Every structure is written in structure tokens, then in C-alpha cells.
Amino acid sequence: MKLHLLHYYAYTEQFESFKLILDDLEKRYNSFKNYVRLLDVYNYAIILYSKIQLDMVFIYLKKVDYIIENFYVPNEKIGETYSNIANQFHIHCKYHDALMYFSKMIKYQNIYYITDLIYMANCQSVLNKEINIPILSKMEIEKYPQILRKMYNFYLNYGISSPKEKQDFILNEIAPINEDKDLSEVFKFELKKAIKKNSCYKSLYLYEEIINNKVN
């Protein structure tokens, strides 16, 4: 029950209530040596503190690393933890840190979530690095909605697509069926990046018009 409350207080930013339960659960899971649940506790701490006090995030990241380095935790849980951390950094536009944790994530996961790979590729793009993400099997890809498949394929073909091809793909294939606000920002960035190469600024206006009708 307290773990569920911790989750709720983290996402609703109720700091005082969160801190009381956080301290209690940290002591409890440490005494029981329940390191899987302790990682859950630290993950919620990172979610909350990333919104209000960034220096505290790094304290809990050290605690996460200590557990992973010194105690047995299933690889699946480690991968999930690194995924959550990476996504929090991406939300706050800390792309270098996000990419570092996405890179850690893929070392431990056998099954990847396609949205993680899209955000990982976005970090690489923002940092002007080569797009290098795991290749999903056809069976894995088919489990996801069409829009996520298109976004993933956009990044798989990133190195061989011209700026004009990227621009057209975003406008014609992604924007009309995307209803996710965060992902719309990802592809707004990619459109701006493509536009710099061919100066077709009308495309950005069209994209914003489409997205405003879809996600608002």
C-alpha cells in the first residue's frame, strides 16, 4: 500500500507526504534486503526530485548504482530501472544523461520497448551522434501501434534518408496519426533539423497546424 502511495505522491508532486513514506520504505526494504523493491523506491524519488531538486537526483542515482554493483538484482529489473531514469532525463531535456542511461538499459534488457528506442535515438540526434539503436524483429515491431512503428522506422532509416525525405515522412506519415504530445515534440525537433538543410519553413507551420489539431 505504501509503495502505491509513494508512486501516487511522486506523480502528483506531494513532497511532504512523499518524503515520510520514502524514508520509511527505504529503512524497511534495506532491513529486509529487498533490493528489487528498494530500486522501485529510488525510482520514484528520482521522478519527484527531477522536478524540484536536481542535486537530490544524483544522490539517488548513486544509491541505485551501489545496489546494482553490490547486490543481486535480476537483469530485467536493472534494465527497467535504467529505462525509467533515462526517460526522466529525457523529459527534462538532459540528453547526455538520458543517452547514458538508455545505453546502460540495453545492456541488461532482452526485450526492448519501442518508445525507449525512439527516445534513445532522439538523444543521439540532438547530440549529433550517429543513430545506433537495437534492431527489433518483425514480430516484436508488429506488437506496437502503427504510429510507433513509423517513428521507429524513421530512426532506423535516419542515416540513409535525405533531409527532404525526412521532412516528407514526418509531415505525411507521422504528424497526421500522432496524438502523443511528447512524441510530437521529438518530431518537431527532427523537422526543424531537416528544414535547416533545405530552408522549407512552411513545413514547420504545416506540422504545428496538424499537431495542434491532434494533441490539444
N, C-alpha and C. Protein backbone atom coordinates (compact mmCIF):
# COMPACT_ATOMS: atom_id res chain seq x y z
N MET A 1 0.83 -1.21 0.00
CA MET A 1 0.00 0.00 0.00
C MET A 1 0.87 1.26 0.00
N LYS A 2 1.92 1.24 0.82
CA LYS A 2 2.79 2.42 0.90
C LYS A 2 3.54 2.63 -0.40
N LEU A 3 3.91 1.55 -1.06
CA LEU A 3 4.61 1.68 -2.34
C LEU A 3 3.69 2.31 -3.39
N HIS A 4 2.43 1.92 -3.37
CA HIS A 4 1.46 2.53 -4.29
C HIS A 4 1.26 4.02 -3.97
N LEU A 5 1.24 4.33 -2.67
CA LEU A 5 1.11 5.73 -2.27
C LEU A 5 2.33 6.54 -2.70
N LEU A 6 3.50 5.93 -2.57
CA LEU A 6 4.72 6.60 -2.98
C LEU A 6 4.66 6.95 -4.46
N HIS A 7 4.19 6.01 -5.26
CA HIS A 7 4.00 6.23 -6.70
C HIS A 7 3.06 7.42 -6.92
N TYR A 8 1.96 7.43 -6.21
CA TYR A 8 0.96 8.49 -6.37
C TYR A 8 1.53 9.85 -5.97
N TYR A 9 2.21 9.91 -4.82
CA TYR A 9 2.75 11.18 -4.35
C TYR A 9 3.86 11.69 -5.26
N ALA A 10 4.62 10.77 -5.86
CA ALA A 10 5.68 11.19 -6.79
C ALA A 10 5.09 11.88 -8.00
N TYR A 11 4.05 11.29 -8.58
CA TYR A 11 3.48 11.85 -9.81
C TYR A 11 2.58 13.06 -9.57
N THR A 12 2.09 13.20 -8.33
CA THR A 12 1.26 14.37 -8.01
C THR A 12 2.07 15.44 -7.27
N GLU A 13 3.37 15.18 -7.09
CA GLU A 13 4.30 16.15 -6.52
C GLU A 13 3.90 16.61 -5.12
N GLN A 14 3.44 15.67 -4.30
CA GLN A 14 3.12 15.97 -2.91
C GLN A 14 4.35 15.64 -2.06
N PHE A 15 5.25 16.61 -1.96
CA PHE A 15 6.58 16.36 -1.44
C PHE A 15 6.60 15.88 0.01
N GLU A 16 5.89 16.55 0.89
CA GLU A 16 5.97 16.20 2.32
C GLU A 16 5.45 14.79 2.58
N SER A 17 4.32 14.45 1.98
CA SER A 17 3.76 13.10 2.15
C SER A 17 4.70 12.07 1.54
N PHE A 18 5.26 12.41 0.39
CA PHE A 18 6.20 11.51 -0.28
C PHE A 18 7.41 11.22 0.59
N LYS A 19 7.99 12.28 1.19
CA LYS A 19 9.22 12.12 1.97
C LYS A 19 9.02 11.22 3.18
N LEU A 20 7.87 11.32 3.83
CA LEU A 20 7.60 10.49 5.00
C LEU A 20 7.59 9.01 4.63
N ILE A 21 6.91 8.67 3.55
CA ILE A 21 6.83 7.28 3.13
C ILE A 21 8.16 6.81 2.55
N LEU A 22 8.84 7.69 1.84
CA LEU A 22 10.14 7.34 1.26
C LEU A 22 11.11 6.88 2.34
N ASP A 23 11.25 7.65 3.40
CA ASP A 23 12.20 7.30 4.47
C ASP A 23 11.82 5.99 5.13
N ASP A 24 10.52 5.79 5.35
CA ASP A 24 10.06 4.56 5.99
C ASP A 24 10.34 3.34 5.12
N LEU A 25 10.02 3.43 3.83
CA LEU A 25 10.22 2.29 2.94
C LEU A 25 11.70 2.01 2.69
N GLU A 26 12.50 3.05 2.63
CA GLU A 26 13.93 2.84 2.44
C GLU A 26 14.52 2.04 3.60
N LYS A 27 14.16 2.39 4.83
CA LYS A 27 14.63 1.65 6.00
C LYS A 27 14.09 0.22 5.99
N ARG A 28 12.82 0.08 5.66
CA ARG A 28 12.17 -1.23 5.69
C ARG A 28 12.81 -2.19 4.68
N TYR A 29 12.96 -1.73 3.42
CA TYR A 29 13.50 -2.62 2.39
C TYR A 29 14.99 -2.88 2.58
N ASN A 30 15.71 -1.93 3.17
CA ASN A 30 17.11 -2.18 3.50
C ASN A 30 17.23 -3.26 4.56
N SER A 31 16.38 -3.19 5.57
CA SER A 31 16.45 -4.17 6.66
C SER A 31 16.08 -5.57 6.17
N PHE A 32 15.15 -5.64 5.20
CA PHE A 32 14.75 -6.93 4.64
C PHE A 32 15.64 -7.38 3.48
N LYS A 33 16.58 -6.51 3.08
CA LYS A 33 17.46 -6.76 1.93
C LYS A 33 16.66 -7.04 0.65
N ASN A 34 15.56 -6.31 0.55
CA ASN A 34 14.70 -6.44 -0.63
C ASN A 34 15.13 -5.36 -1.63
N TYR A 35 16.16 -5.67 -2.40
CA TYR A 35 16.78 -4.66 -3.25
C TYR A 35 15.96 -4.36 -4.51
N VAL A 36 15.13 -5.29 -4.93
CA VAL A 36 14.25 -5.03 -6.07
C VAL A 36 13.26 -3.92 -5.72
N ARG A 37 12.62 -4.06 -4.55
CA ARG A 37 11.67 -3.03 -4.13
C ARG A 37 12.37 -1.72 -3.78
N LEU A 38 13.58 -1.82 -3.27
CA LEU A 38 14.34 -0.62 -2.96
C LEU A 38 14.64 0.18 -4.23
N LEU A 39 14.90 -0.50 -5.32
CA LEU A 39 15.08 0.19 -6.60
C LEU A 39 13.81 0.91 -7.01
N ASP A 40 12.65 0.29 -6.75
CA ASP A 40 11.37 0.96 -7.04
C ASP A 40 11.25 2.26 -6.25
N VAL A 41 11.62 2.19 -4.97
CA VAL A 41 11.55 3.37 -4.11
C VAL A 41 12.45 4.48 -4.66
N TYR A 42 13.67 4.12 -5.03
CA TYR A 42 14.61 5.12 -5.54
C TYR A 42 14.15 5.67 -6.88
N ASN A 43 13.51 4.84 -7.66
CA ASN A 43 12.98 5.32 -8.95
C ASN A 43 11.94 6.41 -8.74
N TYR A 44 11.05 6.23 -7.79
CA TYR A 44 10.04 7.25 -7.51
C TYR A 44 10.69 8.51 -6.96
N ALA A 45 11.76 8.34 -6.17
CA ALA A 45 12.49 9.50 -5.65
C ALA A 45 13.09 10.30 -6.81
N ILE A 46 13.63 9.61 -7.79
CA ILE A 46 14.22 10.28 -8.95
C ILE A 46 13.16 11.01 -9.76
N ILE A 47 11.99 10.38 -9.90
CA ILE A 47 10.89 11.03 -10.63
C ILE A 47 10.50 12.35 -9.97
N LEU A 48 10.33 12.33 -8.64
CA LEU A 48 9.90 13.54 -7.94
C LEU A 48 11.00 14.60 -7.91
N TYR A 49 12.19 14.20 -7.50
CA TYR A 49 13.26 15.18 -7.34
C TYR A 49 13.72 15.77 -8.67
N SER A 50 13.51 15.04 -9.76
CA SER A 50 13.89 15.61 -11.07
C SER A 50 13.04 16.84 -11.40
N LYS A 51 11.90 16.97 -10.73
CA LYS A 51 11.02 18.12 -10.96
C LYS A 51 11.33 19.29 -10.03
N ILE A 52 11.94 18.99 -8.86
CA ILE A 52 12.05 20.06 -7.85
C ILE A 52 13.46 20.30 -7.32
N GLN A 53 14.34 19.30 -7.38
CA GLN A 53 15.65 19.46 -6.75
C GLN A 53 16.65 18.50 -7.41
N LEU A 54 17.31 18.97 -8.44
CA LEU A 54 18.12 18.10 -9.27
C LEU A 54 19.30 17.49 -8.53
N ASP A 55 19.89 18.21 -7.57
CA ASP A 55 21.04 17.65 -6.85
C ASP A 55 20.67 16.39 -6.08
N MET A 56 19.40 16.29 -5.65
CA MET A 56 18.94 15.09 -4.94
C MET A 56 18.84 13.91 -5.90
N VAL A 57 18.59 14.17 -7.17
CA VAL A 57 18.52 13.09 -8.16
C VAL A 57 19.83 12.32 -8.18
N PHE A 58 20.94 13.04 -8.17
CA PHE A 58 22.24 12.39 -8.27
C PHE A 58 22.59 11.60 -7.01
N ILE A 59 22.05 12.01 -5.87
CA ILE A 59 22.22 11.22 -4.65
C ILE A 59 21.54 9.86 -4.80
N TYR A 60 20.34 9.86 -5.36
CA TYR A 60 19.61 8.60 -5.52
C TYR A 60 20.16 7.76 -6.67
N LEU A 61 20.73 8.43 -7.67
CA LEU A 61 21.39 7.67 -8.73
C LEU A 61 22.58 6.89 -8.17
N LYS A 62 23.31 7.50 -7.25
CA LYS A 62 24.44 6.80 -6.61
C LYS A 62 23.94 5.60 -5.80
N LYS A 63 22.79 5.76 -5.16
CA LYS A 63 22.23 4.64 -4.40
C LYS A 63 21.81 3.50 -5.34
N VAL A 64 21.24 3.87 -6.47
CA VAL A 64 20.86 2.87 -7.47
C VAL A 64 22.10 2.10 -7.94
N ASP A 65 23.14 2.84 -8.30
CA ASP A 65 24.36 2.20 -8.80
C ASP A 65 24.99 1.31 -7.73
N TYR A 66 24.93 1.74 -6.48
CA TYR A 66 25.51 0.93 -5.38
C TYR A 66 24.80 -0.41 -5.27
N ILE A 67 23.47 -0.38 -5.34
CA ILE A 67 22.71 -1.63 -5.24
C ILE A 67 23.06 -2.55 -6.40
N ILE A 68 23.04 -2.01 -7.59
CA ILE A 68 23.28 -2.84 -8.79
C ILE A 68 24.69 -3.42 -8.78
N GLU A 69 25.66 -2.66 -8.29
CA GLU A 69 27.04 -3.12 -8.28
C GLU A 69 27.36 -4.11 -7.16
N ASN A 70 26.56 -4.08 -6.09
CA ASN A 70 26.94 -4.86 -4.90
C ASN A 70 25.97 -5.98 -4.52
N PHE A 71 24.79 -5.99 -5.11
CA PHE A 71 23.80 -7.00 -4.72
C PHE A 71 23.17 -7.60 -5.97
N TYR A 72 22.61 -8.79 -5.78
CA TYR A 72 21.96 -9.43 -6.92
C TYR A 72 20.60 -8.80 -7.18
N VAL A 73 20.43 -8.35 -8.39
CA VAL A 73 19.14 -7.85 -8.87
C VAL A 73 18.95 -8.43 -10.28
N PRO A 74 17.80 -8.99 -10.61
CA PRO A 74 17.59 -9.56 -11.95
C PRO A 74 17.85 -8.52 -13.05
N ASN A 75 18.43 -8.98 -14.14
CA ASN A 75 18.75 -8.07 -15.25
C ASN A 75 17.53 -7.29 -15.74
N GLU A 76 16.40 -7.97 -15.76
CA GLU A 76 15.17 -7.32 -16.22
C GLU A 76 14.84 -6.10 -15.37
N LYS A 77 15.05 -6.23 -14.04
CA LYS A 77 14.78 -5.11 -13.13
C LYS A 77 15.79 -3.99 -13.32
N ILE A 78 17.04 -4.36 -13.56
CA ILE A 78 18.07 -3.35 -13.80
C ILE A 78 17.73 -2.56 -15.07
N GLY A 79 17.38 -3.28 -16.12
CA GLY A 79 17.01 -2.63 -17.37
C GLY A 79 15.82 -1.70 -17.21
N GLU A 80 14.81 -2.15 -16.46
CA GLU A 80 13.63 -1.33 -16.21
C GLU A 80 14.00 -0.07 -15.44
N THR A 81 14.88 -0.22 -14.45
CA THR A 81 15.31 0.93 -13.64
C THR A 81 16.05 1.95 -14.49
N TYR A 82 16.98 1.48 -15.31
CA TYR A 82 17.73 2.40 -16.17
C TYR A 82 16.82 3.05 -17.20
N SER A 83 15.82 2.34 -17.67
CA SER A 83 14.85 2.91 -18.61
C SER A 83 14.09 4.06 -17.96
N ASN A 84 13.63 3.85 -16.74
CA ASN A 84 12.89 4.89 -16.04
C ASN A 84 13.75 6.13 -15.81
N ILE A 85 15.01 5.90 -15.43
CA ILE A 85 15.91 7.03 -15.20
C ILE A 85 16.16 7.79 -16.50
N ALA A 86 16.43 7.05 -17.56
CA ALA A 86 16.69 7.67 -18.86
C ALA A 86 15.51 8.51 -19.32
N ASN A 87 14.31 7.99 -19.15
CA ASN A 87 13.12 8.73 -19.58
C ASN A 87 12.92 10.01 -18.78
N GLN A 88 13.25 9.96 -17.49
CA GLN A 88 13.14 11.18 -16.69
C GLN A 88 14.12 12.25 -17.18
N PHE A 89 15.34 11.84 -17.49
CA PHE A 89 16.32 12.80 -18.01
C PHE A 89 15.86 13.35 -19.37
N HIS A 90 15.27 12.48 -20.19
CA HIS A 90 14.81 12.94 -21.50
C HIS A 90 13.68 13.95 -21.35
N ILE A 91 12.77 13.72 -20.45
CA ILE A 91 11.67 14.65 -20.21
C ILE A 91 12.19 16.04 -19.89
N HIS A 92 13.31 16.09 -19.16
CA HIS A 92 13.87 17.37 -18.74
C HIS A 92 14.98 17.86 -19.67
N CYS A 93 15.02 17.25 -20.87
CA CYS A 93 15.93 17.68 -21.94
C CYS A 93 17.40 17.56 -21.55
N LYS A 94 17.73 16.63 -20.67
CA LYS A 94 19.12 16.37 -20.32
C LYS A 94 19.56 15.16 -21.15
N TYR A 95 19.84 15.44 -22.41
CA TYR A 95 20.00 14.38 -23.40
C TYR A 95 21.26 13.55 -23.20
N HIS A 96 22.32 14.17 -22.73
CA HIS A 96 23.56 13.42 -22.50
C HIS A 96 23.34 12.37 -21.41
N ASP A 97 22.73 12.79 -20.30
CA ASP A 97 22.45 11.86 -19.20
C ASP A 97 21.44 10.80 -19.62
N ALA A 98 20.43 11.22 -20.37
CA ALA A 98 19.42 10.27 -20.83
C ALA A 98 20.05 9.20 -21.71
N LEU A 99 20.90 9.61 -22.63
CA LEU A 99 21.54 8.65 -23.53
C LEU A 99 22.44 7.70 -22.75
N MET A 100 23.13 8.20 -21.76
CA MET A 100 23.98 7.34 -20.94
C MET A 100 23.17 6.21 -20.30
N TYR A 101 21.99 6.56 -19.77
CA TYR A 101 21.18 5.54 -19.10
C TYR A 101 20.42 4.66 -20.09
N PHE A 102 20.05 5.18 -21.24
CA PHE A 102 19.49 4.30 -22.27
C PHE A 102 20.53 3.28 -22.72
N SER A 103 21.79 3.72 -22.82
CA SER A 103 22.86 2.81 -23.22
C SER A 103 23.08 1.73 -22.16
N LYS A 104 22.97 2.10 -20.90
CA LYS A 104 23.05 1.11 -19.82
C LYS A 104 21.87 0.14 -19.90
N MET A 105 20.70 0.70 -20.19
CA MET A 105 19.47 -0.10 -20.26
C MET A 105 19.60 -1.25 -21.24
N ILE A 106 20.12 -0.98 -22.44
CA ILE A 106 20.13 -2.01 -23.48
C ILE A 106 21.12 -3.14 -23.17
N LYS A 107 22.03 -2.90 -22.23
CA LYS A 107 22.97 -3.96 -21.84
C LYS A 107 22.29 -5.03 -20.99
N TYR A 108 21.17 -4.66 -20.39
CA TYR A 108 20.51 -5.58 -19.45
C TYR A 108 19.19 -6.13 -19.96
N GLN A 109 18.56 -5.47 -20.91
CA GLN A 109 17.25 -5.91 -21.38
C GLN A 109 17.39 -6.87 -22.56
N ASN A 110 16.57 -7.88 -22.57
CA ASN A 110 16.46 -8.77 -23.72
C ASN A 110 15.33 -8.35 -24.64
N ILE A 111 14.32 -7.73 -24.05
CA ILE A 111 13.17 -7.24 -24.80
C ILE A 111 13.11 -5.73 -24.61
N TYR A 112 13.11 -4.99 -25.70
CA TYR A 112 13.12 -3.53 -25.62
C TYR A 112 11.74 -2.96 -25.91
N TYR A 113 11.44 -1.86 -25.23
CA TYR A 113 10.21 -1.13 -25.52
C TYR A 113 10.50 -0.13 -26.63
N ILE A 114 9.66 -0.11 -27.63
CA ILE A 114 9.94 0.69 -28.82
C ILE A 114 10.02 2.19 -28.51
N THR A 115 9.23 2.65 -27.54
CA THR A 115 9.30 4.08 -27.20
C THR A 115 10.65 4.43 -26.59
N ASP A 116 11.23 3.52 -25.79
CA ASP A 116 12.57 3.76 -25.26
C ASP A 116 13.57 3.96 -26.39
N LEU A 117 13.45 3.15 -27.43
CA LEU A 117 14.39 3.23 -28.54
C LEU A 117 14.19 4.51 -29.36
N ILE A 118 12.95 4.95 -29.47
CA ILE A 118 12.67 6.21 -30.16
C ILE A 118 13.31 7.38 -29.40
N TYR A 119 13.13 7.39 -28.08
CA TYR A 119 13.72 8.46 -27.28
C TYR A 119 15.24 8.37 -27.26
N MET A 120 15.76 7.16 -27.24
CA MET A 120 17.22 6.98 -27.29
C MET A 120 17.78 7.56 -28.59
N ALA A 121 17.12 7.25 -29.70
CA ALA A 121 17.55 7.78 -31.00
C ALA A 121 17.44 9.30 -31.03
N ASN A 122 16.40 9.83 -30.41
CA ASN A 122 16.25 11.28 -30.35
C ASN A 122 17.41 11.93 -29.61
N CYS A 123 17.84 11.30 -28.51
CA CYS A 123 19.01 11.82 -27.79
C CYS A 123 20.24 11.84 -28.69
N GLN A 124 20.44 10.77 -29.42
CA GLN A 124 21.59 10.70 -30.32
C GLN A 124 21.50 11.78 -31.39
N SER A 125 20.30 12.01 -31.89
CA SER A 125 20.10 13.03 -32.91
C SER A 125 20.38 14.43 -32.37
N VAL A 126 19.85 14.72 -31.19
CA VAL A 126 20.06 16.03 -30.57
C VAL A 126 21.55 16.28 -30.33
N LEU A 127 22.25 15.23 -29.92
CA LEU A 127 23.68 15.36 -29.61
C LEU A 127 24.57 15.20 -30.85
N ASN A 128 23.92 15.11 -32.03
CA ASN A 128 24.63 14.96 -33.31
C ASN A 128 25.52 13.73 -33.34
N LYS A 129 25.01 12.66 -32.77
CA LYS A 129 25.70 11.37 -32.82
C LYS A 129 25.03 10.48 -33.87
N GLU A 130 25.75 9.47 -34.30
CA GLU A 130 25.16 8.50 -35.23
C GLU A 130 24.00 7.78 -34.56
N ILE A 131 22.92 7.59 -35.29
CA ILE A 131 21.78 6.86 -34.73
C ILE A 131 22.15 5.38 -34.65
N ASN A 132 22.14 4.87 -33.43
CA ASN A 132 22.53 3.49 -33.19
C ASN A 132 21.64 2.91 -32.11
N ILE A 133 20.58 2.23 -32.54
CA ILE A 133 19.61 1.63 -31.62
C ILE A 133 19.43 0.16 -31.97
N PRO A 134 19.02 -0.66 -30.99
CA PRO A 134 18.79 -2.08 -31.28
C PRO A 134 17.74 -2.28 -32.37
N ILE A 135 17.95 -3.30 -33.17
CA ILE A 135 17.02 -3.63 -34.25
C ILE A 135 16.02 -4.66 -33.74
N LEU A 136 14.77 -4.32 -33.76
CA LEU A 136 13.71 -5.22 -33.32
C LEU A 136 13.34 -6.18 -34.43
N SER A 137 12.92 -7.37 -34.04
CA SER A 137 12.45 -8.33 -35.03
C SER A 137 11.09 -7.88 -35.57
N LYS A 138 10.72 -8.42 -36.71
CA LYS A 138 9.43 -8.08 -37.31
C LYS A 138 8.29 -8.43 -36.36
N MET A 139 8.42 -9.55 -35.65
CA MET A 139 7.38 -9.97 -34.71
C MET A 139 7.25 -8.98 -33.56
N GLU A 140 8.39 -8.49 -33.07
CA GLU A 140 8.36 -7.52 -31.97
C GLU A 140 7.73 -6.21 -32.43
N ILE A 141 8.11 -5.75 -33.60
CA ILE A 141 7.60 -4.47 -34.12
C ILE A 141 6.09 -4.52 -34.32
N GLU A 142 5.59 -5.63 -34.78
CA GLU A 142 4.16 -5.74 -35.11
C GLU A 142 3.26 -5.67 -33.89
N LYS A 143 3.83 -5.79 -32.69
CA LYS A 143 3.04 -5.69 -31.47
C LYS A 143 2.62 -4.25 -31.18
N TYR A 144 3.26 -3.30 -31.83
CA TYR A 144 3.05 -1.90 -31.49
C TYR A 144 2.11 -1.21 -32.47
N PRO A 145 1.50 -0.09 -32.04
CA PRO A 145 0.63 0.68 -32.94
C PRO A 145 1.40 1.19 -34.15
N GLN A 146 0.67 1.45 -35.20
CA GLN A 146 1.29 1.89 -36.45
C GLN A 146 2.16 3.13 -36.27
N ILE A 147 1.70 4.09 -35.46
CA ILE A 147 2.44 5.33 -35.31
C ILE A 147 3.82 5.07 -34.71
N LEU A 148 3.92 4.19 -33.72
CA LEU A 148 5.21 3.89 -33.11
C LEU A 148 6.12 3.14 -34.08
N ARG A 149 5.52 2.29 -34.90
CA ARG A 149 6.32 1.58 -35.91
C ARG A 149 6.92 2.57 -36.90
N LYS A 150 6.13 3.56 -37.30
CA LYS A 150 6.62 4.56 -38.25
C LYS A 150 7.74 5.40 -37.63
N MET A 151 7.57 5.78 -36.38
CA MET A 151 8.60 6.58 -35.71
C MET A 151 9.90 5.79 -35.57
N TYR A 152 9.76 4.53 -35.21
CA TYR A 152 10.94 3.68 -35.06
C TYR A 152 11.65 3.51 -36.41
N ASN A 153 10.88 3.28 -37.45
CA ASN A 153 11.47 3.11 -38.79
C ASN A 153 12.11 4.40 -39.29
N PHE A 154 11.56 5.54 -38.88
CA PHE A 154 12.17 6.82 -39.23
C PHE A 154 13.62 6.85 -38.76
N TYR A 155 13.84 6.41 -37.53
CA TYR A 155 15.20 6.44 -37.00
C TYR A 155 16.07 5.31 -37.54
N LEU A 156 15.46 4.17 -37.84
CA LEU A 156 16.24 3.09 -38.45
C LEU A 156 16.82 3.52 -39.79
N ASN A 157 16.07 4.33 -40.53
CA ASN A 157 16.50 4.78 -41.86
C ASN A 157 17.14 6.16 -41.84
N TYR A 158 17.46 6.64 -40.66
CA TYR A 158 17.91 8.02 -40.49
C TYR A 158 19.15 8.33 -41.33
N GLY A 159 20.11 7.42 -41.31
CA GLY A 159 21.38 7.67 -41.98
C GLY A 159 21.30 7.65 -43.49
N ILE A 160 20.26 7.05 -44.04
CA ILE A 160 20.16 6.93 -45.50
C ILE A 160 19.07 7.82 -46.09
N SER A 161 18.33 8.52 -45.24
CA SER A 161 17.26 9.41 -45.72
C SER A 161 17.79 10.81 -45.90
N SER A 162 17.39 11.46 -46.98
CA SER A 162 17.77 12.85 -47.21
C SER A 162 16.91 13.75 -46.32
N PRO A 163 17.34 15.00 -46.09
CA PRO A 163 16.51 15.93 -45.33
C PRO A 163 15.10 16.08 -45.91
N LYS A 164 14.99 16.10 -47.23
CA LYS A 164 13.66 16.21 -47.86
C LYS A 164 12.82 14.98 -47.57
N GLU A 165 13.43 13.80 -47.62
CA GLU A 165 12.70 12.57 -47.32
C GLU A 165 12.25 12.55 -45.86
N LYS A 166 13.09 13.00 -44.97
CA LYS A 166 12.72 13.07 -43.55
C LYS A 166 11.57 14.03 -43.35
N GLN A 167 11.67 15.18 -43.97
CA GLN A 167 10.62 16.19 -43.87
C GLN A 167 9.28 15.65 -44.37
N ASP A 168 9.27 15.03 -45.51
CA ASP A 168 8.04 14.50 -46.09
C ASP A 168 7.47 13.37 -45.25
N PHE A 169 8.36 12.53 -44.71
CA PHE A 169 7.89 11.40 -43.89
C PHE A 169 7.22 11.91 -42.61
N ILE A 170 7.82 12.91 -41.99
CA ILE A 170 7.24 13.46 -40.76
C ILE A 170 5.88 14.09 -41.05
N LEU A 171 5.79 14.87 -42.12
CA LEU A 171 4.54 15.57 -42.44
C LEU A 171 3.44 14.64 -42.91
N ASN A 172 3.80 13.64 -43.72
CA ASN A 172 2.80 12.81 -44.37
C ASN A 172 2.49 11.50 -43.64
N GLU A 173 3.48 10.97 -42.92
CA GLU A 173 3.31 9.66 -42.30
C GLU A 173 3.15 9.70 -40.79
N ILE A 174 3.81 10.68 -40.14
CA ILE A 174 3.81 10.71 -38.68
C ILE A 174 2.80 11.72 -38.13
N ALA A 175 2.90 12.96 -38.55
CA ALA A 175 2.04 14.01 -37.97
C ALA A 175 0.55 13.71 -38.05
N PRO A 176 0.02 13.21 -39.18
CA PRO A 176 -1.43 13.00 -39.27
C PRO A 176 -1.99 11.96 -38.31
N ILE A 177 -1.17 11.05 -37.79
CA ILE A 177 -1.72 10.00 -36.92
C ILE A 177 -1.12 10.02 -35.52
N ASN A 178 -0.30 11.02 -35.22
CA ASN A 178 0.30 11.10 -33.89
C ASN A 178 -0.57 11.93 -32.95
N GLU A 179 -0.87 11.38 -31.77
CA GLU A 179 -1.67 12.10 -30.80
C GLU A 179 -0.93 12.25 -29.46
N ASP A 180 0.35 11.93 -29.45
CA ASP A 180 1.14 11.99 -28.23
C ASP A 180 1.93 13.30 -28.21
N LYS A 181 1.72 14.10 -27.18
CA LYS A 181 2.34 15.42 -27.10
C LYS A 181 3.86 15.34 -27.02
N ASP A 182 4.39 14.44 -26.18
CA ASP A 182 5.84 14.33 -26.02
C ASP A 182 6.51 13.88 -27.32
N LEU A 183 5.91 12.91 -27.98
CA LEU A 183 6.49 12.44 -29.24
C LEU A 183 6.34 13.48 -30.35
N SER A 184 5.31 14.30 -30.25
CA SER A 184 5.17 15.36 -31.25
C SER A 184 6.32 16.35 -31.14
N GLU A 185 6.83 16.58 -29.93
CA GLU A 185 7.97 17.47 -29.73
C GLU A 185 9.24 16.86 -30.30
N VAL A 186 9.37 15.54 -30.16
CA VAL A 186 10.52 14.84 -30.72
C VAL A 186 10.59 15.08 -32.23
N PHE A 187 9.46 14.92 -32.90
CA PHE A 187 9.47 15.02 -34.36
C PHE A 187 9.38 16.47 -34.85
N LYS A 188 8.97 17.36 -33.98
CA LYS A 188 9.10 18.78 -34.30
C LYS A 188 10.57 19.15 -34.36
N PHE A 189 11.35 18.62 -33.42
CA PHE A 189 12.80 18.85 -33.45
C PHE A 189 13.40 18.27 -34.74
N GLU A 190 12.99 17.05 -35.09
CA GLU A 190 13.55 16.41 -36.29
C GLU A 190 13.18 17.17 -37.55
N LEU A 191 11.97 17.73 -37.56
CA LEU A 191 11.54 18.52 -38.72
C LEU A 191 12.38 19.79 -38.83
N LYS A 192 12.58 20.47 -37.71
CA LYS A 192 13.41 21.68 -37.72
C LYS A 192 14.82 21.36 -38.20
N LYS A 193 15.33 20.21 -37.77
CA LYS A 193 16.68 19.81 -38.17
C LYS A 193 16.74 19.58 -39.68
N ALA A 194 15.71 18.94 -40.23
CA ALA A 194 15.67 18.69 -41.67
C ALA A 194 15.50 19.98 -42.45
N ILE A 195 14.68 20.90 -41.92
CA ILE A 195 14.40 22.16 -42.60
C ILE A 195 15.66 23.01 -42.75
N LYS A 196 16.55 22.92 -41.79
CA LYS A 196 17.80 23.71 -41.85
C LYS A 196 18.60 23.40 -43.12
N LYS A 197 18.38 22.17 -43.63
CA LYS A 197 19.13 21.76 -44.82
C LYS A 197 18.50 22.27 -46.13
N ASN A 198 17.17 22.51 -46.11
CA ASN A 198 16.52 22.91 -47.38
C ASN A 198 15.67 24.18 -47.26
N SER A 199 15.66 24.77 -46.05
CA SER A 199 15.01 26.08 -45.84
C SER A 199 13.53 26.11 -46.20
N CYS A 200 12.85 24.98 -46.06
CA CYS A 200 11.42 24.94 -46.36
C CYS A 200 10.62 25.17 -45.06
N TYR A 201 10.57 26.42 -44.62
CA TYR A 201 9.99 26.72 -43.31
C TYR A 201 8.47 26.60 -43.29
N LYS A 202 7.86 26.58 -44.43
CA LYS A 202 6.41 26.38 -44.48
C LYS A 202 6.03 25.03 -43.89
N SER A 203 6.93 24.05 -43.99
CA SER A 203 6.66 22.72 -43.46
C SER A 203 6.45 22.74 -41.94
N LEU A 204 7.21 23.59 -41.26
CA LEU A 204 7.07 23.70 -39.81
C LEU A 204 5.70 24.25 -39.44
N TYR A 205 5.24 25.23 -40.18
CA TYR A 205 3.90 25.78 -39.95
C TYR A 205 2.84 24.71 -40.16
N LEU A 206 2.97 23.94 -41.22
CA LEU A 206 2.00 22.87 -41.50
C LEU A 206 2.01 21.82 -40.40
N TYR A 207 3.22 21.48 -39.94
CA TYR A 207 3.34 20.47 -38.88
C TYR A 207 2.64 20.95 -37.61
N GLU A 208 2.91 22.18 -37.21
CA GLU A 208 2.30 22.71 -35.98
C GLU A 208 0.79 22.79 -36.11
N GLU A 209 0.31 23.10 -37.28
CA GLU A 209 -1.14 23.15 -37.50
C GLU A 209 -1.76 21.76 -37.35
N ILE A 210 -1.10 20.75 -37.92
CA ILE A 210 -1.60 19.38 -37.81
C ILE A 210 -1.58 18.92 -36.36
N ILE A 211 -0.46 19.14 -35.68
CA ILE A 211 -0.28 18.66 -34.31
C ILE A 211 -1.24 19.36 -33.35
N ASN A 212 -1.42 20.65 -33.52
CA ASN A 212 -2.34 21.38 -32.64
C ASN A 212 -3.75 20.84 -32.72
N ASN A 213 -4.14 20.37 -33.90
CA ASN A 213 -5.46 19.78 -34.07
C ASN A 213 -5.55 18.36 -33.50
N LYS A 214 -4.39 17.70 -33.38
CA LYS A 214 -4.39 16.31 -32.94
C LYS A 214 -4.22 16.14 -31.44
N VAL A 215 -3.31 16.92 -30.83
CA VAL A 215 -2.94 16.67 -29.43
C VAL A 215 -3.56 17.64 -28.45
N ASN A 216 -4.21 18.70 -28.93
CA ASN A 216 -4.83 19.66 -28.00
C ASN A 216 -6.31 19.37 -27.79
